[in-house]
C-alpha cells in the first residue's frame, strides 16, 4: 500500500463530527433542546458512544448517532 492510498483510507474513515450548535443546520431531528437532553442523559440512554468532548466543546459523531437510533428502533419492531 502506498502512502497516498493509506492517506486516502484514513481520510475516508474520519468521522463526521458536528458541534451541537450546528446540528440543526444539517438535521431537523432532534431539535437542539432534544439533542441537549440526549447528551445530558447519554450514560443511561446509550448515546455516549456518539458524543465526543474536546475541552468544553461537545461534538456528535453523525454516523454513530444514527446507528444508535437504528439499533433502538430494531428493538421496537
Protein backbone atom coordinates (compact mmCIF):
# COMPACT_ATOMS: atom_id res chain seq x y z
CA UNK A 1 0.00 0.00 0.00
CA UNK A 2 1.40 3.37 -0.97
CA UNK A 3 1.46 6.49 1.19
CA UNK A 4 -1.29 8.08 -0.91
CA UNK A 5 -3.56 5.04 -0.55
CA UNK A 6 -3.10 4.92 3.22
CA UNK A 7 -3.70 8.69 3.50
CA UNK A 8 -6.92 8.45 1.46
CA UNK A 9 -8.08 5.49 3.52
CA UNK A 10 -7.59 7.40 6.79
CA UNK A 11 -9.45 10.41 5.37
CA UNK A 12 -12.36 8.20 4.31
CA UNK A 13 -12.63 6.71 7.80
CA UNK A 14 -12.63 10.10 9.55
CA UNK A 15 -15.94 10.55 11.38
CA UNK A 16 -18.20 13.49 10.64
CA UNK A 17 -18.24 15.35 13.95
CA UNK A 18 -20.90 18.05 14.23
CA UNK A 19 -20.95 20.62 17.05
CA UNK A 20 -24.27 20.75 18.92
CA UNK A 21 -24.73 24.39 17.91
CA UNK A 22 -24.50 23.43 14.19
CA UNK A 23 -26.57 20.21 14.34
CA UNK A 24 -29.80 21.74 13.05
CA UNK A 25 -28.04 23.20 10.02
CA UNK A 26 -27.83 19.66 8.62
CA UNK A 27 -30.53 17.72 10.52
CA UNK A 28 -34.07 18.62 11.52
CA UNK A 29 -34.28 15.93 14.20
CA UNK A 30 -33.70 16.11 17.07
CA UNK A 31 -34.07 19.83 17.73
CA UNK A 32 -31.29 21.46 19.73
CA UNK A 33 -33.16 21.11 23.04
CA UNK A 34 -33.85 17.43 22.40
CA UNK A 35 -30.23 16.86 21.46
CA UNK A 36 -29.07 18.50 24.67
CA UNK A 37 -31.45 16.21 26.60
CA UNK A 38 -29.91 13.18 24.85
CA UNK A 39 -26.41 14.44 25.71
CA UNK A 40 -27.31 15.08 29.36
CA UNK A 41 -28.63 11.52 29.76
CA UNK A 42 -26.09 9.86 27.43
CA UNK A 43 -24.74 7.46 30.06
CA UNK A 44 -28.18 5.96 30.66
CA UNK A 45 -29.77 6.16 27.20
CA UNK A 46 -26.94 4.55 25.19
CA UNK A 47 -25.84 7.59 23.19
CA UNK A 48 -22.49 8.04 24.95
CA UNK A 49 -20.71 6.35 22.00
CA UNK A 50 -21.83 9.18 19.69
CA UNK A 51 -20.77 12.06 21.93
CA UNK A 52 -17.22 13.37 21.81
CA UNK A 53 -15.97 16.08 24.12
CA UNK A 54 -13.00 18.28 23.27
CA UNK A 55 -12.45 20.70 26.10
CA UNK A 56 -15.79 22.43 26.58
CA UNK A 57 -16.93 21.67 23.05
CA UNK A 58 -19.42 18.83 22.54
CA UNK A 59 -19.40 17.11 19.17
CA UNK A 60 -21.77 14.49 17.79
CA UNK A 61 -20.44 11.65 15.64
CA UNK A 62 -23.15 11.70 12.99
CA UNK A 63 -22.79 8.11 11.74
CA UNK A 64 -22.68 6.61 15.24
CA UNK A 65 -25.64 8.73 16.36
CA UNK A 66 -27.90 7.42 13.61
CA UNK A 67 -26.56 3.88 14.06
CA UNK A 68 -27.72 4.03 17.69
CA UNK A 69 -31.11 5.38 16.56
CA UNK A 70 -31.44 2.41 14.18
CA UNK A 71 -30.42 -0.04 16.92
CA UNK A 72 -33.06 1.40 19.24
CA UNK A 73 -35.73 1.15 16.51
CA UNK A 74 -34.93 -2.51 15.81
CA UNK A 75 -35.79 -3.34 19.41
CA UNK A 76 -39.30 -1.94 18.96
CA UNK A 77 -40.20 -3.99 15.87
